[in-house]
Amino acid sequence: MHGAVVNANAHVGENCIINSQALVEHDAVVEDHCHIATGARVNGGVRIGSGSFVGSGAVLGQGIRVGQRVVIGAGQIVLGNIPQGTVLRFL
């Protein structure tokens, strides 16, 4: 998408959307069937499990692990690992 960046040694799986202005940094892994929404920041070494969604403007700190089928809402700042099936959002 427009202005998206997938950096050195990053891997994006099949059937993924890396939306406008999203950043997938070095050595990150985005598994199959994920959506990285507008302006999201996936820092170096992050691993995102299959079927997960990272909302607009969310920031994932370096090296964290996100399980499968996780939903991270818009604007969330994630600094720790997230188990599969978790939904993080503001109310």
PDB file of N, CA and C in Angstrom:
ATOM      1  N   MET A   1       0.829  -1.185   0.000  1.00  0.00           N
ATOM      2  CA  MET A   1       0.000   0.000   0.000  1.00  0.00           C
ATOM      3  C   MET A   1       0.878   1.256   0.000  1.00  0.00           C
ATOM      4  N   HIS A   2       0.262   2.374  -0.205  1.00  0.00           N
ATOM      5  CA  HIS A   2       0.974   3.643  -0.334  1.00  0.00           C
ATOM      6  C   HIS A   2       1.776   3.977   0.928  1.00  0.00           C
ATOM      7  N   GLY A   3       3.078   4.127   0.767  1.00  0.00           N
ATOM      8  CA  GLY A   3       3.940   4.552   1.865  1.00  0.00           C
ATOM      9  C   GLY A   3       4.261   3.482   2.889  1.00  0.00           C
ATOM     10  N   ALA A   4       3.834   2.259   2.674  1.00  0.00           N
ATOM     11  CA  ALA A   4       4.165   1.186   3.614  1.00  0.00           C
ATOM     12  C   ALA A   4       5.631   0.803   3.439  1.00  0.00           C
ATOM     13  N   VAL A   5       6.268   0.378   4.548  1.00  0.00           N
ATOM     14  CA  VAL A   5       7.673  -0.035   4.503  1.00  0.00           C
ATOM     15  C   VAL A   5       7.800  -1.399   5.164  1.00  0.00           C
ATOM     16  N   VAL A   6       8.415  -2.328   4.431  1.00  0.00           N
ATOM     17  CA  VAL A   6       8.795  -3.622   4.995  1.00  0.00           C
ATOM     18  C   VAL A   6      10.314  -3.654   4.914  1.00  0.00           C
ATOM     19  N   ASN A   7      10.967  -3.647   6.064  1.00  0.00           N
ATOM     20  CA  ASN A   7      12.406  -3.433   6.134  1.00  0.00           C
ATOM     21  C   ASN A   7      13.211  -4.738   5.996  1.00  0.00           C
ATOM     22  N   ALA A   8      14.523  -4.585   6.089  1.00  0.00           N
ATOM     23  CA  ALA A   8      15.473  -5.678   5.850  1.00  0.00           C
ATOM     24  C   ALA A   8      15.187  -6.894   6.718  1.00  0.00           C
ATOM     25  N   ASN A   9      15.249  -8.062   6.100  1.00  0.00           N
ATOM     26  CA  ASN A   9      15.083  -9.349   6.761  1.00  0.00           C
ATOM     27  C   ASN A   9      13.723  -9.555   7.406  1.00  0.00           C
ATOM     28  N   ALA A  10      12.760  -8.703   7.111  1.00  0.00           N
ATOM     29  CA  ALA A  10      11.389  -8.927   7.587  1.00  0.00           C
ATOM     30  C   ALA A  10      10.727  -9.946   6.674  1.00  0.00           C
ATOM     31  N   HIS A  11       9.760 -10.674   7.211  1.00  0.00           N
ATOM     32  CA  HIS A  11       9.027 -11.668   6.426  1.00  0.00           C
ATOM     33  C   HIS A  11       7.536 -11.427   6.605  1.00  0.00           C
ATOM     34  N   VAL A  12       6.825 -11.338   5.489  1.00  0.00           N
ATOM     35  CA  VAL A  12       5.371 -11.194   5.496  1.00  0.00           C
ATOM     36  C   VAL A  12       4.796 -12.425   4.813  1.00  0.00           C
ATOM     37  N   GLY A  13       3.893 -13.104   5.509  1.00  0.00           N
ATOM     38  CA  GLY A  13       3.308 -14.336   4.986  1.00  0.00           C
ATOM     39  C   GLY A  13       2.297 -14.095   3.880  1.00  0.00           C
ATOM     40  N   GLU A  14       1.599 -15.156   3.524  1.00  0.00           N
ATOM     41  CA  GLU A  14       0.604 -15.109   2.462  1.00  0.00           C
ATOM     42  C   GLU A  14      -0.683 -14.450   2.931  1.00  0.00           C
ATOM     43  N   ASN A  15      -1.377 -13.806   1.974  1.00  0.00           N
ATOM     44  CA  ASN A  15      -2.698 -13.238   2.206  1.00  0.00           C
ATOM     45  C   ASN A  15      -2.694 -12.181   3.313  1.00  0.00           C
ATOM     46  N   CYS A  16      -1.661 -11.362   3.359  1.00  0.00           N
ATOM     47  CA  CYS A  16      -1.553 -10.295   4.359  1.00  0.00           C
ATOM     48  C   CYS A  16      -1.810  -8.941   3.722  1.00  0.00           C
ATOM     49  N   ILE A  17      -2.267  -8.002   4.541  1.00  0.00           N
ATOM     50  CA  ILE A  17      -2.392  -6.604   4.133  1.00  0.00           C
ATOM     51  C   ILE A  17      -1.436  -5.798   4.994  1.00  0.00           C
ATOM     52  N   ILE A  18      -0.534  -5.069   4.346  1.00  0.00           N
ATOM     53  CA  ILE A  18       0.316  -4.090   5.026  1.00  0.00           C
ATOM     54  C   ILE A  18      -0.186  -2.756   4.485  1.00  0.00           C
ATOM     55  N   ASN A  19      -0.997  -2.065   5.271  1.00  0.00           N
ATOM     56  CA  ASN A  19      -1.742  -0.919   4.778  1.00  0.00           C
ATOM     57  C   ASN A  19      -0.909   0.358   4.723  1.00  0.00           C
ATOM     58  N   SER A  20      -1.496   1.424   4.210  1.00  0.00           N
ATOM     59  CA  SER A  20      -0.805   2.700   3.983  1.00  0.00           C
ATOM     60  C   SER A  20      -0.073   3.185   5.229  1.00  0.00           C
ATOM     61  N   GLN A  21       1.176   3.619   5.028  1.00  0.00           N
ATOM     62  CA  GLN A  21       2.024   4.194   6.069  1.00  0.00           C
ATOM     63  C   GLN A  21       2.376   3.227   7.201  1.00  0.00           C
ATOM     64  N   ALA A  22       2.089   1.936   7.043  1.00  0.00           N
ATOM     65  CA  ALA A  22       2.472   0.957   8.065  1.00  0.00           C
ATOM     66  C   ALA A  22       3.968   0.655   7.936  1.00  0.00           C
ATOM     67  N   LEU A  23       4.584   0.284   9.055  1.00  0.00           N
ATOM     68  CA  LEU A  23       6.006  -0.044   9.091  1.00  0.00           C
ATOM     69  C   LEU A  23       6.194  -1.423   9.712  1.00  0.00           C
ATOM     70  N   VAL A  24       6.850  -2.304   8.987  1.00  0.00           N
ATOM     71  CA  VAL A  24       7.261  -3.611   9.506  1.00  0.00           C
ATOM     72  C   VAL A  24       8.780  -3.577   9.508  1.00  0.00           C
ATOM     73  N   GLU A  25       9.375  -3.484  10.688  1.00  0.00           N
ATOM     74  CA  GLU A  25      10.810  -3.260  10.817  1.00  0.00           C
ATOM     75  C   GLU A  25      11.621  -4.544  10.637  1.00  0.00           C
ATOM     76  N   HIS A  26      12.936  -4.354  10.703  1.00  0.00           N
ATOM     77  CA  HIS A  26      13.913  -5.421  10.475  1.00  0.00           C
ATOM     78  C   HIS A  26      13.627  -6.657  11.320  1.00  0.00           C
ATOM     79  N   ASP A  27      13.794  -7.807  10.700  1.00  0.00           N
ATOM     80  CA  ASP A  27      13.712  -9.104  11.363  1.00  0.00           C
ATOM     81  C   ASP A  27      12.344  -9.428  11.957  1.00  0.00           C
ATOM     82  N   ALA A  28      11.316  -8.651  11.636  1.00  0.00           N
ATOM     83  CA  ALA A  28       9.957  -8.958  12.093  1.00  0.00           C
ATOM     84  C   ALA A  28       9.361 -10.055  11.224  1.00  0.00           C
ATOM     85  N   VAL A  29       8.422 -10.806  11.800  1.00  0.00           N
ATOM     86  CA  VAL A  29       7.706 -11.844  11.062  1.00  0.00           C
ATOM     87  C   VAL A  29       6.216 -11.593  11.224  1.00  0.00           C
ATOM     88  N   VAL A  30       5.529 -11.459  10.108  1.00  0.00           N
ATOM     89  CA  VAL A  30       4.072 -11.348  10.081  1.00  0.00           C
ATOM     90  C   VAL A  30       3.592 -12.627   9.403  1.00  0.00           C
ATOM     91  N   GLU A  31       2.956 -13.501  10.176  1.00  0.00           N
ATOM     92  CA  GLU A  31       2.527 -14.776   9.616  1.00  0.00           C
ATOM     93  C   GLU A  31       1.324 -14.581   8.687  1.00  0.00           C
ATOM     94  N   ASP A  32       0.869 -15.665   8.079  1.00  0.00           N
ATOM     95  CA  ASP A  32      -0.212 -15.627   7.095  1.00  0.00           C
ATOM     96  C   ASP A  32      -1.499 -15.012   7.640  1.00  0.00           C
ATOM     97  N   HIS A  33      -2.263 -14.393   6.737  1.00  0.00           N
ATOM     98  CA  HIS A  33      -3.628 -13.912   6.985  1.00  0.00           C
ATOM     99  C   HIS A  33      -3.712 -12.804   8.033  1.00  0.00           C
ATOM    100  N   CYS A  34      -2.700 -11.951   8.090  1.00  0.00           N
ATOM    101  CA  CYS A  34      -2.697 -10.823   9.034  1.00  0.00           C
ATOM    102  C   CYS A  34      -3.012  -9.515   8.314  1.00  0.00           C
ATOM    103  N   HIS A  35      -3.495  -8.559   9.087  1.00  0.00           N
ATOM    104  CA  HIS A  35      -3.745  -7.204   8.582  1.00  0.00           C
ATOM    105  C   HIS A  35      -3.014  -6.238   9.502  1.00  0.00           C
ATOM    106  N   ILE A  36      -2.084  -5.480   8.929  1.00  0.00           N
ATOM    107  CA  ILE A  36      -1.375  -4.433   9.651  1.00  0.00           C
ATOM    108  C   ILE A  36      -1.969  -3.127   9.113  1.00  0.00           C
ATOM    109  N   ALA A  37      -2.763  -2.452   9.924  1.00  0.00           N
ATOM    110  CA  ALA A  37      -3.561  -1.307   9.469  1.00  0.00           C
ATOM    111  C   ALA A  37      -2.717  -0.038   9.315  1.00  0.00           C
ATOM    112  N   THR A  38      -3.364   1.003   8.830  1.00  0.00           N
ATOM    113  CA  THR A  38      -2.713   2.272   8.509  1.00  0.00           C
ATOM    114  C   THR A  38      -1.905   2.818   9.681  1.00  0.00           C
ATOM    115  N   GLY A  39      -0.666   3.166   9.382  1.00  0.00           N
ATOM    116  CA  GLY A  39       0.191   3.831  10.351  1.00  0.00           C
ATOM    117  C   GLY A  39       0.657   2.987  11.516  1.00  0.00           C
ATOM    118  N   ALA A  40       0.405   1.690  11.501  1.00  0.00           N
ATOM    119  CA  ALA A  40       0.869   0.823  12.590  1.00  0.00           C
ATOM    120  C   ALA A  40       2.389   0.684  12.514  1.00  0.00           C
ATOM    121  N   ARG A  41       3.031   0.480  13.665  1.00  0.00           N
ATOM    122  CA  ARG A  41       4.480   0.327  13.757  1.00  0.00           C
ATOM    123  C   ARG A  41       4.794  -1.014  14.407  1.00  0.00           C
ATOM    124  N   VAL A  42       5.387  -1.896  13.618  1.00  0.00           N
ATOM    125  CA  VAL A  42       5.810  -3.211  14.101  1.00  0.00           C
ATOM    126  C   VAL A  42       7.331  -3.151  14.172  1.00  0.00           C
ATOM    127  N   ASN A  43       7.868  -3.053  15.377  1.00  0.00           N
ATOM    128  CA  ASN A  43       9.305  -2.859  15.545  1.00  0.00           C
ATOM    129  C   ASN A  43      10.091  -4.151  15.335  1.00  0.00           C
ATOM    130  N   GLY A  44      11.416  -4.012  15.325  1.00  0.00           N
ATOM    131  CA  GLY A  44      12.321  -5.094  14.993  1.00  0.00           C
ATOM    132  C   GLY A  44      12.141  -6.336  15.838  1.00  0.00           C
ATOM    133  N   GLY A  45      12.202  -7.484  15.174  1.00  0.00           N
ATOM    134  CA  GLY A  45      12.162  -8.766  15.866  1.00  0.00           C
ATOM    135  C   GLY A  45      10.801  -9.191  16.369  1.00  0.00           C
ATOM    136  N   VAL A  46       9.754  -8.432  16.093  1.00  0.00           N
ATOM    137  CA  VAL A  46       8.399  -8.800  16.520  1.00  0.00           C
ATOM    138  C   VAL A  46       7.929  -9.989  15.689  1.00  0.00           C
ATOM    139  N   ARG A  47       7.156 -10.867  16.307  1.00  0.00           N
ATOM    140  CA  ARG A  47       6.530 -11.986  15.587  1.00  0.00           C
ATOM    141  C   ARG A  47       5.035 -11.917  15.835  1.00  0.00           C
ATOM    142  N   ILE A  48       4.266 -11.864  14.724  1.00  0.00           N
ATOM    143  CA  ILE A  48       2.808 -11.766  14.802  1.00  0.00           C
ATOM    144  C   ILE A  48       2.217 -13.058  14.254  1.00  0.00           C
ATOM    145  N   GLY A  49       1.422 -13.734  15.075  1.00  0.00           N
ATOM    146  CA  GLY A  49       0.829 -15.010  14.690  1.00  0.00           C
ATOM    147  C   GLY A  49      -0.244 -14.866  13.629  1.00  0.00           C
ATOM    148  N   SER A  50      -0.508 -15.952  12.941  1.00  0.00           N
ATOM    149  CA  SER A  50      -1.446 -15.946  11.821  1.00  0.00           C
ATOM    150  C   SER A  50      -2.844 -15.502  12.245  1.00  0.00           C
ATOM    151  N   GLY A  51      -3.505 -14.816  11.309  1.00  0.00           N
ATOM    152  CA  GLY A  51      -4.877 -14.377  11.516  1.00  0.00           C
ATOM    153  C   GLY A  51      -5.027 -13.204  12.455  1.00  0.00           C
ATOM    154  N   SER A  52      -3.951 -12.493  12.745  1.00  0.00           N
ATOM    155  CA  SER A  52      -4.007 -11.370  13.695  1.00  0.00           C
ATOM    156  C   SER A  52      -4.215 -10.041  12.973  1.00  0.00           C
ATOM    157  N   PHE A  53      -4.730  -9.078  13.740  1.00  0.00           N
ATOM    158  CA  PHE A  53      -5.010  -7.734  13.238  1.00  0.00           C
ATOM    159  C   PHE A  53      -4.322  -6.721  14.145  1.00  0.00           C
ATOM    160  N   VAL A  54      -3.585  -5.780  13.543  1.00  0.00           N
ATOM    161  CA  VAL A  54      -2.942  -4.687  14.275  1.00  0.00           C
ATOM    162  C   VAL A  54      -3.582  -3.403  13.776  1.00  0.00           C
ATOM    163  N   GLY A  55      -4.297  -2.694  14.662  1.00  0.00           N
ATOM    164  CA  GLY A  55      -5.072  -1.518  14.295  1.00  0.00           C
ATOM    165  C   GLY A  55      -4.234  -0.295  13.961  1.00  0.00           C
ATOM    166  N   SER A  56      -4.898   0.679  13.369  1.00  0.00           N
ATOM    167  CA  SER A  56      -4.261   1.930  12.934  1.00  0.00           C
ATOM    168  C   SER A  56      -3.520   2.603  14.078  1.00  0.00           C
ATOM    169  N   GLY A  57      -2.281   2.972  13.810  1.00  0.00           N
ATOM    170  CA  GLY A  57      -1.482   3.717  14.773  1.00  0.00           C
ATOM    171  C   GLY A  57      -0.972   2.929  15.955  1.00  0.00           C
ATOM    172  N   ALA A  58      -1.222   1.631  16.002  1.00  0.00           N
ATOM    173  CA  ALA A  58      -0.703   0.811  17.101  1.00  0.00           C
ATOM    174  C   ALA A  58       0.818   0.718  16.986  1.00  0.00           C
ATOM    175  N   VAL A  59       1.484   0.542  18.139  1.00  0.00           N
ATOM    176  CA  VAL A  59       2.937   0.399  18.173  1.00  0.00           C
ATOM    177  C   VAL A  59       3.256  -0.876  18.949  1.00  0.00           C
ATOM    178  N   LEU A  60       4.024  -1.765  18.315  1.00  0.00           N
ATOM    179  CA  LEU A  60       4.448  -3.002  18.954  1.00  0.00           C
ATOM    180  C   LEU A  60       5.930  -2.901  19.249  1.00  0.00           C
ATOM    181  N   GLY A  61       6.293  -2.967  20.540  1.00  0.00           N
ATOM    182  CA  GLY A  61       7.678  -2.823  20.974  1.00  0.00           C
ATOM    183  C   GLY A  61       8.560  -3.944  20.459  1.00  0.00           C
ATOM    184  N   GLN A  62       9.834  -3.661  20.398  1.00  0.00           N
ATOM    185  CA  GLN A  62      10.824  -4.578  19.833  1.00  0.00           C
ATOM    186  C   GLN A  62      10.793  -5.948  20.497  1.00  0.00           C
ATOM    187  N   GLY A  63      10.809  -6.983  19.649  1.00  0.00           N
ATOM    188  CA  GLY A  63      10.997  -8.357  20.102  1.00  0.00           C
ATOM    189  C   GLY A  63       9.798  -9.042  20.720  1.00  0.00           C
ATOM    190  N   ILE A  64       8.628  -8.411  20.761  1.00  0.00           N
ATOM    191  CA  ILE A  64       7.490  -9.072  21.403  1.00  0.00           C
ATOM    192  C   ILE A  64       6.912 -10.161  20.515  1.00  0.00           C
ATOM    193  N   ARG A  65       6.119 -11.015  21.109  1.00  0.00           N
ATOM    194  CA  ARG A  65       5.443 -12.104  20.418  1.00  0.00           C
ATOM    195  C   ARG A  65       3.938 -11.901  20.560  1.00  0.00           C
ATOM    196  N   VAL A  66       3.255 -11.979  19.430  1.00  0.00           N
ATOM    197  CA  VAL A  66       1.803 -11.847  19.377  1.00  0.00           C
ATOM    198  C   VAL A  66       1.272 -13.190  18.893  1.00  0.00           C
ATOM    199  N   GLY A  67       0.358 -13.776  19.657  1.00  0.00           N
ATOM    200  CA  GLY A  67      -0.178 -15.083  19.296  1.00  0.00           C
ATOM    201  C   GLY A  67      -1.088 -15.034  18.086  1.00  0.00           C
ATOM    202  N   GLN A  68      -1.618 -16.180  17.724  1.00  0.00           N
ATOM    203  CA  GLN A  68      -2.534 -16.278  16.594  1.00  0.00           C
ATOM    204  C   GLN A  68      -3.883 -15.667  16.952  1.00  0.00           C
ATOM    205  N   ARG A  69      -4.558 -15.119  15.926  1.00  0.00           N
ATOM    206  CA  ARG A  69      -5.918 -14.579  16.043  1.00  0.00           C
ATOM    207  C   ARG A  69      -6.047 -13.528  17.144  1.00  0.00           C
ATOM    208  N   VAL A  70      -5.052 -12.663  17.247  1.00  0.00           N
ATOM    209  CA  VAL A  70      -5.073 -11.552  18.204  1.00  0.00           C
ATOM    210  C   VAL A  70      -5.594 -10.305  17.499  1.00  0.00           C
ATOM    211  N   VAL A  71      -6.373  -9.495  18.223  1.00  0.00           N
ATOM    212  CA  VAL A  71      -6.823  -8.201  17.719  1.00  0.00           C
ATOM    213  C   VAL A  71      -6.217  -7.124  18.605  1.00  0.00           C
ATOM    214  N   ILE A  72      -5.441  -6.236  17.997  1.00  0.00           N
ATOM    215  CA  ILE A  72      -4.850  -5.098  18.706  1.00  0.00           C
ATOM    216  C   ILE A  72      -5.530  -3.856  18.155  1.00  0.00           C
ATOM    217  N   GLY A  73      -6.267  -3.156  19.001  1.00  0.00           N
ATOM    218  CA  GLY A  73      -7.042  -2.005  18.566  1.00  0.00           C
ATOM    219  C   GLY A  73      -6.182  -0.812  18.186  1.00  0.00           C
ATOM    220  N   ALA A  74      -6.822   0.131  17.534  1.00  0.00           N
ATOM    221  CA  ALA A  74      -6.164   1.353  17.084  1.00  0.00           C
ATOM    222  C   ALA A  74      -5.517   2.087  18.258  1.00  0.00           C
ATOM    223  N   GLY A  75      -4.311   2.562  18.040  1.00  0.00           N
ATOM    224  CA  GLY A  75      -3.618   3.382  19.022  1.00  0.00           C
ATOM    225  C   GLY A  75      -3.019   2.654  20.207  1.00  0.00           C
ATOM    226  N   GLN A  76      -3.128   1.354  20.264  1.00  0.00           N
ATOM    227  CA  GLN A  76      -2.572   0.598  21.389  1.00  0.00           C
ATOM    228  C   GLN A  76      -1.047   0.612  21.347  1.00  0.00           C
ATOM    229  N   ILE A  77      -0.436   0.666  22.528  1.00  0.00           N
ATOM    230  CA  ILE A  77       1.016   0.538  22.655  1.00  0.00           C
ATOM    231  C   ILE A  77       1.246  -0.794  23.355  1.00  0.00           C
ATOM    232  N   VAL A  78       1.945  -1.689  22.674  1.00  0.00           N
ATOM    233  CA  VAL A  78       2.127  -3.046  23.182  1.00  0.00           C
ATOM    234  C   VAL A  78       3.597  -3.239  23.534  1.00  0.00           C
ATOM    235  N   LEU A  79       3.861  -3.518  24.819  1.00  0.00           N
ATOM    236  CA  LEU A  79       5.238  -3.652  25.292  1.00  0.00           C
ATOM    237  C   LEU A  79       5.544  -5.037  25.844  1.00  0.00           C
ATOM    238  N   GLY A  80       4.551  -5.928  25.771  1.00  0.00           N
ATOM    239  CA  GLY A  80       4.762  -7.294  26.255  1.00  0.00           C
ATOM    240  C   GLY A  80       4.087  -8.290  25.340  1.00  0.00           C
ATOM    241  N   ASN A  81       4.417  -9.555  25.529  1.00  0.00           N
ATOM    242  CA  ASN A  81       3.854 -10.619  24.709  1.00  0.00           C
ATOM    243  C   ASN A  81       2.341 -10.725  24.915  1.00  0.00           C
ATOM    244  N   ILE A  82       1.640 -11.168  23.858  1.00  0.00           N
ATOM    245  CA  ILE A  82       0.179 -11.287  23.901  1.00  0.00           C
ATOM    246  C   ILE A  82      -0.200 -12.715  23.510  1.00  0.00           C
ATOM    247  N   PRO A  83      -0.943 -13.415  24.378  1.00  0.00           N
ATOM    248  CA  PRO A  83      -1.330 -14.782  24.058  1.00  0.00           C
ATOM    249  C   PRO A  83      -2.385 -14.846  22.954  1.00  0.00           C
ATOM    250  N   GLN A  84      -2.450 -15.994  22.309  1.00  0.00           N
ATOM    251  CA  GLN A  84      -3.390 -16.162  21.198  1.00  0.00           C
ATOM    252  C   GLN A  84      -4.813 -15.877  21.633  1.00  0.00           C
ATOM    253  N   GLY A  85      -5.602 -15.345  20.680  1.00  0.00           N
ATOM    254  CA  GLY A  85      -7.019 -15.076  20.901  1.00  0.00           C
ATOM    255  C   GLY A  85      -7.340 -13.844  21.723  1.00  0.00           C
ATOM    256  N   THR A  86      -6.346 -13.063  22.124  1.00  0.00           N
ATOM    257  CA  THR A  86      -6.559 -11.877  22.954  1.00  0.00           C
ATOM    258  C   THR A  86      -7.082 -10.727  22.105  1.00  0.00           C
ATOM    259  N   VAL A  87      -7.953  -9.902  22.709  1.00  0.00           N
ATOM    260  CA  VAL A  87      -8.421  -8.663  22.084  1.00  0.00           C
ATOM    261  C   VAL A  87      -7.991  -7.505  22.974  1.00  0.00           C
ATOM    262  N   LEU A  88      -7.154  -6.594  22.437  1.00  0.00           N
ATOM    263  CA  LEU A  88      -6.710  -5.393  23.157  1.00  0.00           C
ATOM    264  C   LEU A  88      -7.337  -4.186  22.505  1.00  0.00           C
ATOM    265  N   ARG A  89      -8.098  -3.407  23.269  1.00  0.00           N
ATOM    266  CA  ARG A  89      -8.683  -2.197  22.705  1.00  0.00           C
ATOM    267  C   ARG A  89      -9.086  -1.251  23.821  1.00  0.00           C
ATOM    268  N   PHE A  90      -9.163   0.026  23.461  1.00  0.00           N
ATOM    269  CA  PHE A  90      -9.705   0.997  24.394  1.00  0.00           C
ATOM    270  C   PHE A  90     -11.218   0.851  24.413  1.00  0.00           C
ATOM    271  N   LEU A  91     -11.823   1.149  25.526  1.00  0.00           N
ATOM    272  CA  LEU A  91     -13.277   1.082  25.602  1.00  0.00           C
ATOM    273  C   LEU A  91     -13.883   2.444  25.383  1.00  0.00           C
TER     274      LEU A  91
END
